[in-house]
């Protein structure tokens, strides 16, 4: 457990928050009924935190041990620049409030309080039953935590209170009560606070988060005089978002002008850079207001009706060429995929590609239909967010959640661009699913695994993602893993050897397979320097 937050803890928190939001992204999207039921709150929060994580990675790349103030400020600024949607801008401002207190050496409780207050100030017309309410409850509980419990106690109390406040949101906002759901933005903040508990205590919060209050459906709602237009009853036609370079003195007039134009107005930021979000009927006037205040850029305008229509037409996109995009590490694997007809996105083994990189890679394919082979389960959240954006652009995309490059190779082997898109996706998915996979890795430190306790330097044999074998010799461990893999049957064994694989390993494994299972074909390839020491696929 940590006694105080430091820069590495902030980085860990950000990574865990990104993973939590990625896991809950679709669930949060489905909760999104307020202020506009456009089903993107989970995606927007994920992209906001992803931008914060990228900014933190850049700080740690420049300095091995950055100060807490530098790390916290970088995360807040990254979130501000990448903030998407109403909830994204509010979350970014909440993070900025936290960073300002942490930079001065303040405690977590004080940081959470300042973050909540900053978030409220960013919203032109604060409405209870939203992320704001959950943030305020978390701050109050952290402040009341037992001083003897320290940082971890404050984080746990904040998380506990946030969960409770989330359950009460349907009783504070009629749109939520009518839909029988809790607030989407508040649910996202609960995920972020749960990640904070994990980061400072090393323990994940237990128990699922309740999403519905069925008992509240149809019940009278107290204190729910919404200052925004109710969803579905003539809400503005456009969402306008832009970054704005302007002095603090320009903000009052900008708020006044945008407030007259529409609703859901949130302006977050500071130090000359602001993220402006508003729902309006006159998108041009909203941008002009920004021009008069300073220099707007990264302008995004979404027409709600057109976005909904595009969403409904996603499965009817006409084919104008198809591509397969494979995400791989290792030059040898990249070459194998290219020879099989795939476009390749070379990934850094220490930093998986973000959603924006996946979107850019799909754009480079130049196809209206794209099959995306992830080859790594860690990429699913980023791929989901990227796919949503690409579908809005009219790209027909299927994300195959291949968990290993050998599953990706199996999928590529049956790819046929002459088939209908859906038929091709089904065939590739079936081939990947029929391929069991294993990997050898070297333990970096002592750890508990499914196969027992491993020590630094031990060779780990992972089968279908779980540690099944712990050894001291790479070749002997590889033989044990191979035996377990082919004992369950199979027709083809694929070996992909990394640069760290010992000389003669491929020949020994092939000879062993022929001796013990002569009916099984075995092929071996070189994966390249960045690839794992050994990958095994059994089809």
Protein backbone atom coordinates (compact mmCIF):
# COMPACT_ATOMS: atom_id res chain seq x y z
CA UNK A 1 0.00 0.00 0.00
CA UNK A 2 1.17 3.53 -0.72
CA UNK A 3 1.42 6.21 1.93
CA UNK A 4 1.53 9.05 -0.60
CA UNK A 5 0.87 9.50 -4.27
CA UNK A 6 3.94 9.81 -6.47
CA UNK A 7 4.46 10.07 -10.22
CA UNK A 8 4.65 6.29 -10.86
CA UNK A 9 1.42 5.83 -8.87
CA UNK A 10 -0.32 8.45 -11.01
CA UNK A 11 0.86 6.62 -14.12
CA UNK A 12 -0.36 3.30 -12.74
CA UNK A 13 -3.70 4.87 -11.85
CA UNK A 14 -4.08 6.26 -15.34
CA UNK A 15 -3.30 2.91 -16.95
CA UNK A 16 -5.70 1.06 -14.66
CA UNK A 17 -8.41 3.67 -15.28
CA UNK A 18 -7.95 3.26 -19.02
CA UNK A 19 -8.27 -0.52 -18.69
CA UNK A 20 -11.38 -0.18 -16.48
CA UNK A 21 -13.05 2.24 -18.89
CA UNK A 22 -12.12 0.03 -21.80
CA UNK A 23 -13.78 -2.93 -20.14
CA UNK A 24 -16.90 -0.92 -19.27
CA UNK A 25 -17.02 1.23 -22.43
CA UNK A 26 -19.94 -0.47 -24.17
CA UNK A 27 -21.84 -0.80 -20.90
CA UNK A 28 -21.46 2.95 -20.23
CA UNK A 29 -22.40 3.80 -23.82
CA UNK A 30 -25.64 1.88 -23.32
CA UNK A 31 -26.46 3.94 -20.20
CA UNK A 32 -26.10 7.24 -22.06
CA UNK A 33 -29.53 8.92 -22.05
CA UNK A 34 -28.59 12.39 -20.76
CA UNK A 35 -28.11 15.13 -21.87
CA UNK A 36 -28.52 13.58 -25.34
CA UNK A 37 -29.12 9.84 -25.83
CA UNK A 38 -26.32 9.42 -28.37
CA UNK A 39 -24.69 6.36 -26.80
CA UNK A 40 -21.09 7.57 -26.70
CA UNK A 41 -20.27 8.53 -23.10
CA UNK A 42 -18.18 5.41 -22.45
CA UNK A 43 -16.23 5.90 -25.66
CA UNK A 44 -15.68 9.60 -24.92
CA UNK A 45 -14.41 8.91 -21.39
CA UNK A 46 -12.12 6.18 -22.69
CA UNK A 47 -10.61 8.47 -25.34
CA UNK A 48 -10.17 11.24 -22.76
CA UNK A 49 -8.22 9.02 -20.36
CA UNK A 50 -6.31 7.46 -23.25
CA UNK A 51 -5.03 10.92 -24.13
CA UNK A 52 -3.98 11.44 -20.50
CA UNK A 53 -2.13 8.11 -20.52
CA UNK A 54 -0.27 9.02 -23.70
CA UNK A 55 0.81 12.33 -22.17
CA UNK A 56 2.10 10.52 -19.08
CA UNK A 57 4.02 8.03 -21.23
CA UNK A 58 5.73 10.96 -22.93
CA UNK A 59 6.74 12.43 -19.56
CA UNK A 60 8.24 9.14 -18.39
CA UNK A 61 10.03 8.70 -21.71
CA UNK A 62 11.72 12.08 -21.17
CA UNK A 63 12.60 11.51 -17.49
CA UNK A 64 12.84 8.23 -15.57
CA UNK A 65 11.69 9.78 -12.29
CA UNK A 66 9.50 12.81 -12.98
CA UNK A 67 8.11 14.79 -10.08
CA UNK A 68 4.51 14.27 -9.01
CA UNK A 69 3.56 17.81 -10.03
CA UNK A 70 4.90 17.25 -13.55
CA UNK A 71 3.15 13.90 -13.96
CA UNK A 72 -0.19 15.10 -12.61
CA UNK A 73 -0.12 18.23 -14.76
CA UNK A 74 0.76 16.19 -17.85
CA UNK A 75 -2.15 13.82 -17.26
CA UNK A 76 -4.57 16.72 -16.78
CA UNK A 77 -3.35 18.55 -19.90
CA UNK A 78 -3.42 15.35 -21.94
CA UNK A 79 -7.01 14.74 -20.85
CA UNK A 80 -7.93 18.33 -21.72
CA UNK A 81 -6.48 18.10 -25.21
CA UNK A 82 -8.08 14.73 -25.91
CA UNK A 83 -11.39 15.32 -24.09
CA UNK A 84 -14.41 14.14 -26.03
CA UNK A 85 -18.02 14.94 -25.30
CA UNK A 86 -19.71 16.52 -22.33
CA UNK A 87 -18.47 13.99 -19.78
CA UNK A 88 -14.95 13.95 -21.21
CA UNK A 89 -14.48 17.68 -20.72
CA UNK A 90 -15.90 17.49 -17.18
CA UNK A 91 -13.58 14.60 -16.32
CA UNK A 92 -10.60 16.50 -17.73
CA UNK A 93 -11.42 19.49 -15.56
CA UNK A 94 -11.82 17.22 -12.53
CA UNK A 95 -8.35 15.85 -13.19
CA UNK A 96 -6.98 19.36 -13.53
CA UNK A 97 -8.40 20.23 -10.12
CA UNK A 98 -6.75 17.17 -8.60
CA UNK A 99 -3.43 18.02 -10.23
CA UNK A 100 -3.42 21.57 -8.86
CA UNK A 101 -3.71 20.36 -5.26
CA UNK A 102 -1.35 17.39 -5.65
CA UNK A 103 1.28 19.69 -7.14
CA UNK A 104 1.28 21.69 -3.90
CA UNK A 105 1.65 18.57 -1.77
CA UNK A 106 -2.00 18.38 -0.75
CA UNK A 107 -3.71 15.20 0.42
CA UNK A 108 -5.98 13.12 -1.80
CA UNK A 109 -9.12 14.29 0.02
CA UNK A 110 -8.29 17.93 -0.64
CA UNK A 111 -7.46 17.10 -4.26
CA UNK A 112 -10.79 15.32 -4.77
CA UNK A 113 -12.63 18.27 -3.24
CA UNK A 114 -10.87 20.78 -5.50
CA UNK A 115 -11.44 18.50 -8.48
CA UNK A 116 -15.18 18.33 -7.81
CA UNK A 117 -15.40 22.10 -7.38
CA UNK A 118 -13.43 22.66 -10.58
CA UNK A 119 -15.76 20.33 -12.48
CA UNK A 120 -18.84 22.16 -11.22
CA UNK A 121 -17.36 25.51 -12.28
CA UNK A 122 -16.65 24.20 -15.77
CA UNK A 123 -20.35 23.49 -16.38
CA UNK A 124 -22.44 26.51 -17.26
CA UNK A 125 -25.60 25.09 -15.65
CA UNK A 126 -24.69 22.25 -13.26
CA UNK A 127 -27.30 19.51 -13.01
CA UNK A 128 -27.49 17.00 -10.17
CA UNK A 129 -27.72 13.28 -10.85
CA UNK A 130 -24.66 13.41 -13.09
CA UNK A 131 -20.89 12.91 -12.88
CA UNK A 132 -20.77 16.12 -10.84
CA UNK A 133 -22.92 14.63 -8.07
CA UNK A 134 -20.80 11.49 -7.91
CA UNK A 135 -17.59 13.54 -7.76
CA UNK A 136 -18.94 15.67 -4.91
CA UNK A 137 -19.99 12.61 -2.91
CA UNK A 138 -16.59 11.00 -3.37
CA UNK A 139 -14.80 14.13 -2.17
CA UNK A 140 -16.98 14.47 0.91
CA UNK A 141 -16.42 10.85 1.91
CA UNK A 142 -12.66 11.06 1.42
CA UNK A 143 -12.53 14.09 3.68
CA UNK A 144 -14.44 12.22 6.38
CA UNK A 145 -12.22 9.11 6.19
CA UNK A 146 -10.32 7.99 9.28
CA UNK A 147 -6.94 9.74 9.29
CA UNK A 148 -5.30 6.53 10.51
CA UNK A 149 -6.26 4.78 7.26
CA UNK A 150 -4.19 7.25 5.23
CA UNK A 151 -4.20 7.47 1.46
CA UNK A 152 -5.75 4.06 0.91
CA UNK A 153 -8.57 4.79 3.34
CA UNK A 154 -9.40 8.05 1.58
CA UNK A 155 -9.41 6.33 -1.82
CA UNK A 156 -11.63 3.50 -0.60
CA UNK A 157 -14.10 5.83 1.07
CA UNK A 158 -14.26 7.97 -2.08
CA UNK A 159 -14.97 4.89 -4.18
CA UNK A 160 -17.60 3.56 -1.76
CA UNK A 161 -19.44 6.89 -1.66
CA UNK A 162 -19.24 7.27 -5.44
CA UNK A 163 -20.94 3.90 -5.92
CA UNK A 164 -23.68 4.89 -3.50
CA UNK A 165 -24.16 8.28 -5.14
CA UNK A 166 -24.36 6.62 -8.55
CA UNK A 167 -27.27 4.48 -7.39
CA UNK A 168 -29.15 7.62 -6.35
CA UNK A 169 -28.82 9.43 -9.69
CA UNK A 170 -32.15 8.15 -11.11
CA UNK A 171 -33.92 9.88 -8.21
CA UNK A 172 -32.24 13.18 -9.12
CA UNK A 173 -32.69 13.26 -12.87
CA UNK A 174 -35.97 12.40 -14.59
CA UNK A 175 -34.36 11.20 -17.83
CA UNK A 176 -32.53 8.51 -15.88
CA UNK A 177 -35.62 7.51 -13.91
CA UNK A 178 -37.66 7.14 -17.09
CA UNK A 179 -34.99 4.94 -18.67
CA UNK A 180 -34.40 3.00 -15.47
CA UNK A 181 -30.63 3.51 -15.54
CA UNK A 182 -27.92 5.27 -13.56
CA UNK A 183 -25.93 8.17 -15.01
CA UNK A 184 -23.38 7.16 -17.64
CA UNK A 185 -20.81 9.82 -16.73
CA UNK A 186 -21.12 8.96 -13.05
CA UNK A 187 -20.60 5.28 -13.87
CA UNK A 188 -17.41 6.24 -15.69
CA UNK A 189 -16.12 8.19 -12.69
CA UNK A 190 -16.80 5.18 -10.45
CA UNK A 191 -14.55 3.14 -12.76
CA UNK A 192 -11.82 5.79 -12.51
CA UNK A 193 -12.05 5.86 -8.71
CA UNK A 194 -12.00 2.07 -8.56
CA UNK A 195 -8.75 2.19 -10.51
CA UNK A 196 -7.40 4.67 -7.94
CA UNK A 197 -8.10 2.20 -5.13
CA UNK A 198 -6.29 -0.50 -7.11
CA UNK A 199 -3.31 1.79 -7.75
CA UNK A 200 -2.75 2.82 -4.13
CA UNK A 201 -3.69 -0.46 -2.39
CA UNK A 202 -2.78 -3.10 -4.95
CA UNK A 203 -6.26 -4.59 -4.59
CA UNK A 204 -9.13 -4.29 -7.05
CA UNK A 205 -12.44 -3.14 -5.53
CA UNK A 206 -14.80 -6.05 -5.23
CA UNK A 207 -18.31 -6.41 -6.52
CA UNK A 208 -20.13 -5.33 -9.71
CA UNK A 209 -21.48 -1.81 -10.08
CA UNK A 210 -25.28 -1.66 -10.18
CA UNK A 211 -26.53 -0.07 -13.38
CA UNK A 212 -30.30 0.11 -12.94
CA UNK A 213 -32.80 1.21 -10.35
CA UNK A 214 -35.91 -0.56 -11.61
CA UNK A 215 -37.82 0.40 -8.48
CA UNK A 216 -37.43 4.03 -9.40
CA UNK A 217 -39.00 3.70 -12.83
CA UNK A 218 -42.09 5.78 -13.10
CA UNK A 219 -41.67 7.16 -9.60
CA UNK A 220 -41.79 10.90 -8.94
CA UNK A 221 -38.40 12.51 -9.06
CA UNK A 222 -37.50 15.07 -6.44
CA UNK A 223 -35.37 18.12 -7.11
CA UNK A 224 -35.08 17.38 -10.81
CA UNK A 225 -35.68 20.73 -12.39
CA UNK A 226 -33.33 20.27 -15.29
CA UNK A 227 -31.84 23.48 -16.62
CA UNK A 228 -31.16 21.69 -19.91
CA UNK A 229 -33.66 20.76 -22.56
CA UNK A 230 -34.99 17.23 -21.88
CA UNK A 231 -33.54 14.55 -24.19
CA UNK A 232 -35.78 13.72 -27.09
CA UNK A 233 -37.83 16.91 -26.77
CA UNK A 234 -36.26 19.29 -29.22
CA UNK A 235 -32.65 19.14 -28.06
CA UNK A 236 -30.17 21.08 -30.22
CA UNK A 237 -29.13 19.64 -33.55
CA UNK A 238 -25.35 19.89 -33.24
CA UNK A 239 -22.56 19.09 -30.82
CA UNK A 240 -19.64 21.50 -31.20
CA UNK A 241 -16.26 20.89 -29.58
CA UNK A 242 -12.99 22.74 -30.05
CA UNK A 243 -9.75 23.62 -28.33
CA UNK A 244 -9.41 27.35 -27.77
CA UNK A 245 -6.31 29.40 -27.16
CA UNK A 246 -7.51 32.47 -25.27
CA UNK A 247 -6.84 34.51 -22.16
CA UNK A 248 -8.88 34.10 -19.00
CA UNK A 249 -10.46 37.50 -19.57
CA UNK A 250 -12.20 36.22 -22.72
CA UNK A 251 -14.08 33.43 -20.92
CA UNK A 252 -17.01 35.38 -19.35
CA UNK A 253 -18.18 36.78 -22.68
CA UNK A 254 -17.66 33.43 -24.43
CA UNK A 255 -19.74 31.65 -21.79
CA UNK A 256 -22.49 34.24 -22.16
CA UNK A 257 -22.59 33.98 -25.95
CA UNK A 258 -22.54 30.19 -26.06
CA UNK A 259 -25.07 29.99 -23.23
CA UNK A 260 -27.52 31.97 -25.35
CA UNK A 261 -26.90 29.73 -28.36
CA UNK A 262 -27.54 26.36 -26.74
CA UNK A 263 -27.07 24.10 -23.74
CA UNK A 264 -24.76 21.41 -22.28
CA UNK A 265 -22.08 24.09 -22.18
CA UNK A 266 -18.82 22.98 -20.57
CA UNK A 267 -15.56 24.91 -20.76
CA UNK A 268 -12.57 23.28 -19.10
CA UNK A 269 -8.91 24.15 -18.98
CA UNK A 270 -6.72 27.05 -17.97
CA UNK A 271 -3.34 28.71 -18.60
CA UNK A 272 -4.49 29.91 -22.00
CA UNK A 273 -5.84 26.61 -23.35
CA UNK A 274 -9.49 25.60 -23.09
CA UNK A 275 -11.69 22.77 -24.28
CA UNK A 276 -15.11 24.09 -25.31
CA UNK A 277 -18.16 21.84 -25.59
CA UNK A 278 -21.72 22.94 -26.37
CA UNK A 279 -24.93 21.68 -28.00
CA UNK A 280 -26.43 24.23 -30.41
CA UNK A 281 -28.67 24.60 -33.43
CA UNK A 282 -26.29 27.08 -35.09
CA UNK A 283 -22.87 25.40 -35.21
CA UNK A 284 -21.35 28.26 -37.20
CA UNK A 285 -22.27 30.80 -34.56
CA UNK A 286 -20.67 28.62 -31.86
CA UNK A 287 -17.41 28.51 -33.79
CA UNK A 288 -17.57 32.25 -34.51
CA UNK A 289 -17.87 32.89 -30.78
CA UNK A 290 -14.62 31.01 -30.34
CA UNK A 291 -12.94 33.01 -33.11
CA UNK A 292 -13.88 36.25 -31.39
CA UNK A 293 -12.50 34.96 -28.08
CA UNK A 294 -9.21 33.58 -29.40
CA UNK A 295 -7.93 30.89 -31.74
CA UNK A 296 -10.11 27.76 -31.98
CA UNK A 297 -8.66 24.59 -33.48
CA UNK A 298 -9.39 20.84 -33.59
CA UNK A 299 -12.99 21.78 -34.30
CA UNK A 300 -15.43 18.84 -34.28
CA UNK A 301 -19.07 19.30 -35.28
CA UNK A 302 -21.49 16.39 -34.98
CA UNK A 303 -25.03 16.48 -36.31
CA UNK A 304 -26.97 14.26 -33.94
CA UNK A 305 -29.60 13.15 -36.47
CA UNK A 306 -27.02 12.26 -39.13
CA UNK A 307 -24.89 10.39 -36.58
CA UNK A 308 -27.91 8.33 -35.54
CA UNK A 309 -28.77 7.62 -39.17
CA UNK A 310 -25.20 6.50 -39.87
CA UNK A 311 -25.35 4.24 -36.84
CA UNK A 312 -28.49 2.57 -38.15
CA UNK A 313 -26.98 2.08 -41.58
CA UNK A 314 -23.66 0.64 -40.45
CA UNK A 315 -24.43 -2.90 -41.57
CA UNK A 316 -25.58 -1.78 -45.00
CA UNK A 317 -22.37 -0.08 -46.10
CA UNK A 318 -21.62 -0.94 -49.72
CA UNK A 319 -18.33 -2.73 -50.35
CA UNK A 320 -15.70 -0.81 -52.29
CA UNK A 321 -12.64 -2.96 -51.62
CA UNK A 322 -11.58 -4.95 -48.57
CA UNK A 323 -8.42 -5.07 -46.50
CA UNK A 324 -7.13 -7.01 -43.53
CA UNK A 325 -5.10 -5.08 -40.97
CA UNK A 326 -2.88 -7.07 -38.58
CA UNK A 327 -1.30 -5.60 -35.45
CA UNK A 328 1.97 -7.43 -34.74
CA UNK A 329 5.33 -7.03 -33.03
CA UNK A 330 8.42 -8.42 -34.72
CA UNK A 331 9.70 -7.97 -38.26
CA UNK A 332 9.37 -11.66 -39.07
CA UNK A 333 5.71 -11.73 -38.02
CA UNK A 334 5.08 -8.57 -40.02
CA UNK A 335 6.59 -10.18 -43.11
CA UNK A 336 4.49 -13.32 -42.65
CA UNK A 337 1.30 -11.27 -42.43
CA UNK A 338 2.21 -9.18 -45.47
CA UNK A 339 2.93 -12.33 -47.49
CA UNK A 340 -0.53 -13.56 -46.53
CA UNK A 341 -2.07 -10.39 -47.97
CA UNK A 342 -2.49 -8.27 -44.84
CA UNK A 343 -1.65 -4.66 -44.18
CA UNK A 344 0.54 -4.48 -41.06
CA UNK A 345 0.62 -2.09 -38.13
CA UNK A 346 3.94 -2.67 -36.37
CA UNK A 347 3.37 -2.34 -32.62
CA UNK A 348 5.85 -1.41 -29.92
CA UNK A 349 5.89 -4.30 -27.39
CA UNK A 350 6.19 -1.77 -24.55
CA UNK A 351 3.42 0.55 -25.76
CA UNK A 352 0.40 -0.89 -27.55
CA UNK A 353 -1.16 1.36 -30.20
CA UNK A 354 -3.81 3.82 -29.08
CA UNK A 355 -7.21 4.12 -30.74
CA UNK A 356 -6.06 7.08 -32.87
CA UNK A 357 -3.18 4.99 -34.26
CA UNK A 358 -5.59 2.19 -35.15
CA UNK A 359 -7.90 4.67 -36.89
CA UNK A 360 -4.96 6.10 -38.87
CA UNK A 361 -3.81 2.61 -39.85
CA UNK A 362 -7.28 1.72 -41.14
CA UNK A 363 -7.35 4.96 -43.12
CA UNK A 364 -4.04 3.97 -44.73
CA UNK A 365 -5.64 0.72 -45.90
CA UNK A 366 -7.82 2.78 -48.24
CA UNK A 367 -10.67 0.27 -48.07
CA UNK A 368 -14.36 0.56 -47.25
CA UNK A 369 -14.33 -2.87 -45.60
CA UNK A 370 -11.65 -3.77 -43.09
CA UNK A 371 -11.04 -6.84 -40.93
CA UNK A 372 -8.86 -5.90 -37.96
CA UNK A 373 -6.76 -8.66 -36.37
CA UNK A 374 -5.65 -7.49 -32.92
CA UNK A 375 -3.47 -10.47 -31.94
CA UNK A 376 -3.40 -9.16 -28.36
CA UNK A 377 -6.29 -9.09 -25.85
CA UNK A 378 -4.97 -5.83 -24.38
CA UNK A 379 -5.96 -4.01 -27.58
CA UNK A 380 -9.69 -4.71 -27.40
CA UNK A 381 -10.72 -1.47 -25.63
CA UNK A 382 -8.72 0.76 -27.98
CA UNK A 383 -9.98 -1.19 -30.99
CA UNK A 384 -13.58 -0.85 -29.85
CA UNK A 385 -13.27 2.93 -29.59
CA UNK A 386 -11.52 3.11 -32.97
CA UNK A 387 -14.17 0.93 -34.61
CA UNK A 388 -16.96 3.19 -33.39
CA UNK A 389 -15.28 6.23 -34.95
CA UNK A 390 -14.58 4.43 -38.22
CA UNK A 391 -18.17 3.21 -38.52
CA UNK A 392 -19.37 6.78 -38.12
CA UNK A 393 -17.11 7.63 -41.08
CA UNK A 394 -18.75 4.95 -43.20
CA UNK A 395 -16.06 2.27 -42.91
CA UNK A 396 -17.40 -1.24 -42.48
CA UNK A 397 -15.08 -2.80 -39.93
CA UNK A 398 -15.00 -6.10 -38.10
CA UNK A 399 -12.70 -6.46 -35.10
CA UNK A 400 -11.54 -10.06 -34.66
CA UNK A 401 -10.36 -10.40 -31.06
CA UNK A 402 -7.46 -12.71 -31.92
CA UNK A 403 -5.44 -13.15 -28.73
CA UNK A 404 -2.17 -14.25 -30.30
CA UNK A 405 -0.37 -13.74 -33.62
CA UNK A 406 -0.72 -17.48 -34.36
CA UNK A 407 -4.51 -17.04 -34.26
CA UNK A 408 -4.11 -14.11 -36.62
CA UNK A 409 -2.06 -16.24 -39.03
CA UNK A 410 -4.76 -18.92 -38.93
CA UNK A 411 -7.41 -16.32 -39.77
CA UNK A 412 -5.33 -14.93 -42.64
CA UNK A 413 -4.92 -18.44 -44.09
CA UNK A 414 -8.68 -18.65 -44.82
CA UNK A 415 -9.24 -15.00 -45.81
CA UNK A 416 -10.96 -14.70 -49.19
CA UNK A 417 -11.76 -11.22 -50.52
CA UNK A 418 -14.07 -12.82 -53.08
CA UNK A 419 -16.54 -13.84 -50.40
CA UNK A 420 -19.18 -11.56 -48.94
CA UNK A 421 -17.83 -9.53 -46.03
CA UNK A 422 -19.89 -11.30 -43.36
CA UNK A 423 -18.99 -14.74 -44.72
CA UNK A 424 -15.31 -13.85 -44.77
CA UNK A 425 -15.45 -12.58 -41.18
CA UNK A 426 -17.21 -15.76 -40.00
CA UNK A 427 -14.64 -17.99 -41.72
CA UNK A 428 -11.70 -16.04 -40.28
CA UNK A 429 -13.25 -15.97 -36.81
CA UNK A 430 -13.84 -19.72 -36.93
CA UNK A 431 -10.25 -20.41 -37.97
CA UNK A 432 -8.86 -18.21 -35.22
CA UNK A 433 -11.16 -19.73 -32.61
CA UNK A 434 -10.09 -23.24 -33.61
CA UNK A 435 -6.44 -22.41 -32.94
CA UNK A 436 -5.12 -22.97 -29.43
CA UNK A 437 -2.13 -20.81 -28.60
CA UNK A 438 0.83 -20.81 -26.26
CA UNK A 439 3.72 -18.49 -25.53
CA UNK A 440 7.01 -18.66 -23.67
CA UNK A 441 8.12 -15.67 -21.61
CA UNK A 442 10.74 -14.94 -18.96
CA UNK A 443 9.53 -13.82 -15.53
CA UNK A 444 10.67 -10.36 -14.49
CA UNK A 445 10.17 -10.94 -10.76
CA UNK A 446 8.53 -13.10 -8.13
CA UNK A 447 4.83 -13.61 -8.74
CA UNK A 448 1.92 -15.94 -8.02
CA UNK A 449 0.62 -17.78 -11.09
CA UNK A 450 -1.88 -20.52 -11.93
CA UNK A 451 1.08 -22.96 -11.92
CA UNK A 452 2.58 -21.76 -8.62
CA UNK A 453 5.11 -19.16 -7.56
CA UNK A 454 7.68 -18.04 -10.13
CA UNK A 455 10.95 -16.22 -9.54
CA UNK A 456 12.79 -13.67 -11.66
CA UNK A 457 14.42 -15.42 -14.61
CA UNK A 458 12.07 -18.41 -14.62
CA UNK A 459 10.71 -19.51 -17.99
CA UNK A 460 6.92 -19.31 -18.10
CA UNK A 461 4.84 -21.42 -20.44
CA UNK A 462 1.47 -19.77 -21.04
CA UNK A 463 -1.30 -21.81 -22.65
CA UNK A 464 -4.39 -19.91 -23.83
CA UNK A 465 -3.26 -16.91 -21.77
CA UNK A 466 -2.66 -18.63 -18.41
CA UNK A 467 0.67 -19.77 -16.93
CA UNK A 468 0.62 -23.56 -17.14
CA UNK A 469 4.32 -24.43 -16.82
CA UNK A 470 7.19 -22.91 -14.83
CA UNK A 471 10.70 -24.01 -15.79
CA UNK A 472 14.32 -22.99 -15.67
CA UNK A 473 15.35 -23.99 -19.21
CA UNK A 474 13.68 -22.51 -22.27
CA UNK A 475 14.05 -25.60 -24.45
CA UNK A 476 12.78 -28.05 -21.83
CA UNK A 477 9.87 -25.76 -20.98
CA UNK A 478 9.03 -25.46 -24.67
CA UNK A 479 8.94 -29.26 -25.02
CA UNK A 480 6.62 -29.58 -22.02
CA UNK A 481 4.27 -26.91 -23.38
CA UNK A 482 4.26 -28.50 -26.84
CA UNK A 483 3.39 -31.90 -25.37
CA UNK A 484 0.45 -30.40 -23.48
CA UNK A 485 -0.75 -28.58 -26.58
CA UNK A 486 -0.74 -31.56 -28.96
CA UNK A 487 -2.02 -34.02 -26.35
CA UNK A 488 -5.47 -32.50 -26.92
CA UNK A 489 -5.24 -33.21 -30.65
CA UNK A 490 -4.59 -31.09 -33.71
CA UNK A 491 -3.61 -31.22 -37.36
CA UNK A 492 -1.10 -28.38 -37.73
CA UNK A 493 1.47 -26.96 -35.31
CA UNK A 494 2.85 -23.50 -36.05
CA UNK A 495 6.03 -22.36 -34.29
CA UNK A 496 7.12 -18.71 -34.33
CA UNK A 497 10.57 -18.19 -32.82
CA UNK A 498 11.86 -14.89 -31.54
CA UNK A 499 15.43 -13.71 -31.56
CA UNK A 500 15.91 -14.90 -27.96
CA UNK A 501 15.13 -18.51 -28.88
CA UNK A 502 18.22 -20.77 -28.55
CA UNK A 503 19.83 -22.19 -31.67
CA UNK A 504 18.36 -25.51 -32.70
CA UNK A 505 15.09 -25.04 -30.80
CA UNK A 506 12.93 -25.23 -33.92
CA UNK A 507 14.62 -28.42 -35.16
CA UNK A 508 14.28 -30.07 -31.76
CA UNK A 509 10.60 -29.18 -31.42
CA UNK A 510 9.82 -30.38 -34.96
CA UNK A 511 11.66 -33.66 -34.38
CA UNK A 512 9.89 -34.17 -31.07
CA UNK A 513 6.47 -33.54 -32.64
CA UNK A 514 7.19 -35.98 -35.49
CA UNK A 515 8.33 -38.65 -33.06
CA UNK A 516 5.42 -38.33 -30.64
CA UNK A 517 2.62 -37.30 -33.05
CA UNK A 518 3.67 -38.24 -36.62
CA UNK A 519 0.20 -37.41 -37.98
CA UNK A 520 0.61 -33.71 -37.06
CA UNK A 521 2.30 -31.31 -39.51
CA UNK A 522 4.71 -28.80 -37.98
CA UNK A 523 6.00 -25.57 -39.54
CA UNK A 524 8.39 -22.98 -38.08
CA UNK A 525 8.93 -19.29 -38.80
CA UNK A 526 11.15 -16.52 -37.47
CA UNK A 527 9.24 -13.82 -35.60
CA UNK A 528 11.99 -11.20 -35.34
CA UNK A 529 13.73 -9.34 -32.55
CA UNK A 530 10.63 -7.89 -30.85
CA UNK A 531 8.67 -11.15 -30.88
CA UNK A 532 8.27 -13.45 -27.87
CA UNK A 533 10.93 -16.20 -27.52
CA UNK A 534 8.40 -18.74 -28.79
CA UNK A 535 4.78 -18.79 -29.95
CA UNK A 536 2.95 -22.06 -30.57
CA UNK A 537 -0.30 -22.48 -32.43
CA UNK A 538 -2.21 -25.74 -32.80
CA UNK A 539 -5.02 -25.92 -35.33
